[in-house]
Amino acid sequence: MQNTRLAKLLEFLGSEPNDPFILYALATEYNSLNDHENAFSYYLKLVNEHPDYVGTYYHLGKLYEQVGQKDRGIEIYQQGMAAARAKRDMHALSELQGAYNSAAGLDFEDD
């Protein structure tokens, strides 16, 4: 089933190579398949080409943490918090702040 989903997403990408939702879906699918190389590739493409696609930052930060690069994950959460503030996306900001606090070992929430 996952291979079918991946094939369909790649087909969509062929039609809409710059669609951030498709890029995000591909990154997420590769991440679920533990294909970190491709997951990183698509998440980083999103951060570079669609920096206002705020959902990317949480998952990219978590992926960095998963592969033992916590400091890089913290940096990504910080970038994401800035992007979420710029979009006034308080829900995303709250999630990113929680992930940041957890990764940074903080036991309190910023005001």
C-alpha atoms as a PDB file:
ATOM      1  CA  MET A   1       0.000   0.000   0.000  1.00  0.00           C
ATOM      2  CA  GLN A   2       2.779   2.455   0.838  1.00  0.00           C
ATOM      3  CA  ASN A   3       4.516   1.807  -2.471  1.00  0.00           C
ATOM      4  CA  THR A   4       1.261   2.613  -4.259  1.00  0.00           C
ATOM      5  CA  ARG A   5       0.918   5.839  -2.261  1.00  0.00           C
ATOM      6  CA  LEU A   6       4.527   6.766  -2.997  1.00  0.00           C
ATOM      7  CA  ALA A   7       4.087   6.032  -6.704  1.00  0.00           C
ATOM      8  CA  LYS A   8       0.962   8.207  -6.797  1.00  0.00           C
ATOM      9  CA  LEU A   9       2.731  11.071  -5.019  1.00  0.00           C
ATOM     10  CA  LEU A  10       5.645  10.871  -7.447  1.00  0.00           C
ATOM     11  CA  GLU A  11       3.143  10.953 -10.306  1.00  0.00           C
ATOM     12  CA  PHE A  12       1.558  14.084  -8.816  1.00  0.00           C
ATOM     13  CA  LEU A  13       5.014  15.619  -8.439  1.00  0.00           C
ATOM     14  CA  GLY A  14       5.591  15.122 -12.157  1.00  0.00           C
ATOM     15  CA  SER A  15       2.516  17.237 -12.866  1.00  0.00           C
ATOM     16  CA  GLU A  16       3.111  19.836 -10.151  1.00  0.00           C
ATOM     17  CA  PRO A  17       6.856  19.820  -9.338  1.00  0.00           C
ATOM     18  CA  ASN A  18       6.705  22.914  -7.144  1.00  0.00           C
ATOM     19  CA  ASP A  19       3.530  22.191  -5.168  1.00  0.00           C
ATOM     20  CA  PRO A  20       4.464  22.456  -1.472  1.00  0.00           C
ATOM     21  CA  PHE A  21       1.740  20.056  -0.361  1.00  0.00           C
ATOM     22  CA  ILE A  22       3.037  17.334  -2.690  1.00  0.00           C
ATOM     23  CA  LEU A  23       6.612  17.937  -1.534  1.00  0.00           C
ATOM     24  CA  TYR A  24       5.462  17.740   2.084  1.00  0.00           C
ATOM     25  CA  ALA A  25       3.479  14.560   1.438  1.00  0.00           C
ATOM     26  CA  LEU A  26       6.511  12.961  -0.221  1.00  0.00           C
ATOM     27  CA  ALA A  27       8.806  13.945   2.651  1.00  0.00           C
ATOM     28  CA  THR A  28       6.330  12.524   5.138  1.00  0.00           C
ATOM     29  CA  GLU A  29       5.889   9.323   3.152  1.00  0.00           C
ATOM     30  CA  TYR A  30       9.643   8.770   2.862  1.00  0.00           C
ATOM     31  CA  ASN A  31       9.974   9.499   6.577  1.00  0.00           C
ATOM     32  CA  SER A  32       7.353   6.856   7.373  1.00  0.00           C
ATOM     33  CA  LEU A  33       9.361   4.398   5.251  1.00  0.00           C
ATOM     34  CA  ASN A  34      12.515   5.282   7.245  1.00  0.00           C
ATOM     35  CA  ASP A  35      14.110   6.585   4.048  1.00  0.00           C
ATOM     36  CA  HIS A  36      15.819   9.481   5.808  1.00  0.00           C
ATOM     37  CA  GLU A  37      17.849  10.577   2.805  1.00  0.00           C
ATOM     38  CA  ASN A  38      14.785  11.234   0.657  1.00  0.00           C
ATOM     39  CA  ALA A  39      12.787  12.621   3.591  1.00  0.00           C
ATOM     40  CA  PHE A  40      15.554  15.139   4.303  1.00  0.00           C
ATOM     41  CA  SER A  41      15.763  16.007   0.614  1.00  0.00           C
ATOM     42  CA  TYR A  42      12.097  16.953   0.353  1.00  0.00           C
ATOM     43  CA  TYR A  43      11.870  18.649   3.751  1.00  0.00           C
ATOM     44  CA  LEU A  44      14.943  20.756   2.960  1.00  0.00           C
ATOM     45  CA  LYS A  45      13.557  21.634  -0.472  1.00  0.00           C
ATOM     46  CA  LEU A  46      10.434  22.894   1.291  1.00  0.00           C
ATOM     47  CA  VAL A  47      12.407  24.951   3.812  1.00  0.00           C
ATOM     48  CA  ASN A  48      14.491  26.507   1.035  1.00  0.00           C
ATOM     49  CA  GLU A  49      11.789  27.048  -1.599  1.00  0.00           C
ATOM     50  CA  HIS A  50       8.639  27.395   0.545  1.00  0.00           C
ATOM     51  CA  PRO A  51       9.804  28.779   3.896  1.00  0.00           C
ATOM     52  CA  ASP A  52       6.265  29.795   4.829  1.00  0.00           C
ATOM     53  CA  TYR A  53       5.032  26.179   4.713  1.00  0.00           C
ATOM     54  CA  VAL A  54       5.239  25.980   8.487  1.00  0.00           C
ATOM     55  CA  GLY A  55       4.253  22.326   8.914  1.00  0.00           C
ATOM     56  CA  THR A  56       7.635  21.360   7.527  1.00  0.00           C
ATOM     57  CA  TYR A  57       9.669  22.650  10.450  1.00  0.00           C
ATOM     58  CA  TYR A  58       8.171  20.446  13.127  1.00  0.00           C
ATOM     59  CA  HIS A  59       8.698  17.238  11.180  1.00  0.00           C
ATOM     60  CA  LEU A  60      12.151  18.211   9.921  1.00  0.00           C
ATOM     61  CA  GLY A  61      13.209  19.091  13.467  1.00  0.00           C
ATOM     62  CA  LYS A  62      11.914  15.748  14.748  1.00  0.00           C
ATOM     63  CA  LEU A  63      13.774  13.939  11.962  1.00  0.00           C
ATOM     64  CA  TYR A  64      17.010  15.677  12.915  1.00  0.00           C
ATOM     65  CA  GLU A  65      16.449  14.638  16.520  1.00  0.00           C
ATOM     66  CA  GLN A  66      15.721  11.061  15.427  1.00  0.00           C
ATOM     67  CA  VAL A  67      19.062  10.804  13.611  1.00  0.00           C
ATOM     68  CA  GLY A  68      20.980  12.229  16.577  1.00  0.00           C
ATOM     69  CA  GLN A  69      21.342  15.834  15.403  1.00  0.00           C
ATOM     70  CA  LYS A  70      19.435  17.526  18.220  1.00  0.00           C
ATOM     71  CA  ASP A  71      21.230  20.864  17.820  1.00  0.00           C
ATOM     72  CA  ARG A  72      20.200  21.064  14.177  1.00  0.00           C
ATOM     73  CA  GLY A  73      16.653  20.133  15.173  1.00  0.00           C
ATOM     74  CA  ILE A  74      16.612  23.005  17.665  1.00  0.00           C
ATOM     75  CA  GLU A  75      17.745  25.394  14.918  1.00  0.00           C
ATOM     76  CA  ILE A  76      14.945  24.167  12.650  1.00  0.00           C
ATOM     77  CA  TYR A  77      12.360  24.645  15.406  1.00  0.00           C
ATOM     78  CA  GLN A  78      13.607  28.222  15.849  1.00  0.00           C
ATOM     79  CA  GLN A  79      13.301  28.891  12.109  1.00  0.00           C
ATOM     80  CA  GLY A  80       9.831  27.400  12.172  1.00  0.00           C
ATOM     81  CA  MET A  81       8.747  29.545  15.105  1.00  0.00           C
ATOM     82  CA  ALA A  82       9.833  32.645  13.170  1.00  0.00           C
ATOM     83  CA  ALA A  83       7.919  31.466  10.091  1.00  0.00           C
ATOM     84  CA  ALA A  84       4.823  30.698  12.175  1.00  0.00           C
ATOM     85  CA  ARG A  85       4.963  34.131  13.825  1.00  0.00           C
ATOM     86  CA  ALA A  86       5.261  35.793  10.415  1.00  0.00           C
ATOM     87  CA  LYS A  87       2.150  33.918   9.244  1.00  0.00           C
ATOM     88  CA  ARG A  88       0.410  34.491  12.577  1.00  0.00           C
ATOM     89  CA  ASP A  89      -0.126  30.740  12.825  1.00  0.00           C
ATOM     90  CA  MET A  90      -0.417  30.430  16.586  1.00  0.00           C
ATOM     91  CA  HIS A  91      -1.250  26.718  16.513  1.00  0.00           C
ATOM     92  CA  ALA A  92       1.943  25.874  14.609  1.00  0.00           C
ATOM     93  CA  LEU A  93       3.892  28.276  16.811  1.00  0.00           C
ATOM     94  CA  SER A  94       2.641  26.490  19.924  1.00  0.00           C
ATOM     95  CA  GLU A  95       3.603  23.056  18.571  1.00  0.00           C
ATOM     96  CA  LEU A  96       7.024  24.252  17.489  1.00  0.00           C
ATOM     97  CA  GLN A  97       7.586  25.961  20.847  1.00  0.00           C
ATOM     98  CA  GLY A  98       6.737  22.715  22.640  1.00  0.00           C
ATOM     99  CA  ALA A  99       9.118  20.717  20.442  1.00  0.00           C
ATOM    100  CA  TYR A 100      11.824  23.340  20.928  1.00  0.00           C
ATOM    101  CA  ASN A 101      11.376  23.360  24.704  1.00  0.00           C
ATOM    102  CA  SER A 102      11.550  19.582  24.825  1.00  0.00           C
ATOM    103  CA  ALA A 103      14.647  19.361  22.608  1.00  0.00           C
ATOM    104  CA  ALA A 104      16.384  22.172  24.471  1.00  0.00           C
ATOM    105  CA  GLY A 105      15.642  20.552  27.842  1.00  0.00           C
ATOM    106  CA  LEU A 106      13.494  23.425  29.065  1.00  0.00           C
ATOM    107  CA  ASP A 107      10.813  22.572  31.587  1.00  0.00           C
ATOM    108  CA  PHE A 108       8.860  25.780  31.182  1.00  0.00           C
ATOM    109  CA  GLU A 109       7.032  27.518  28.394  1.00  0.00           C
ATOM    110  CA  ASP A 110       8.050  30.903  27.054  1.00  0.00           C
ATOM    111  CA  ASP A 111       5.533  33.705  27.448  1.00  0.00           C
END
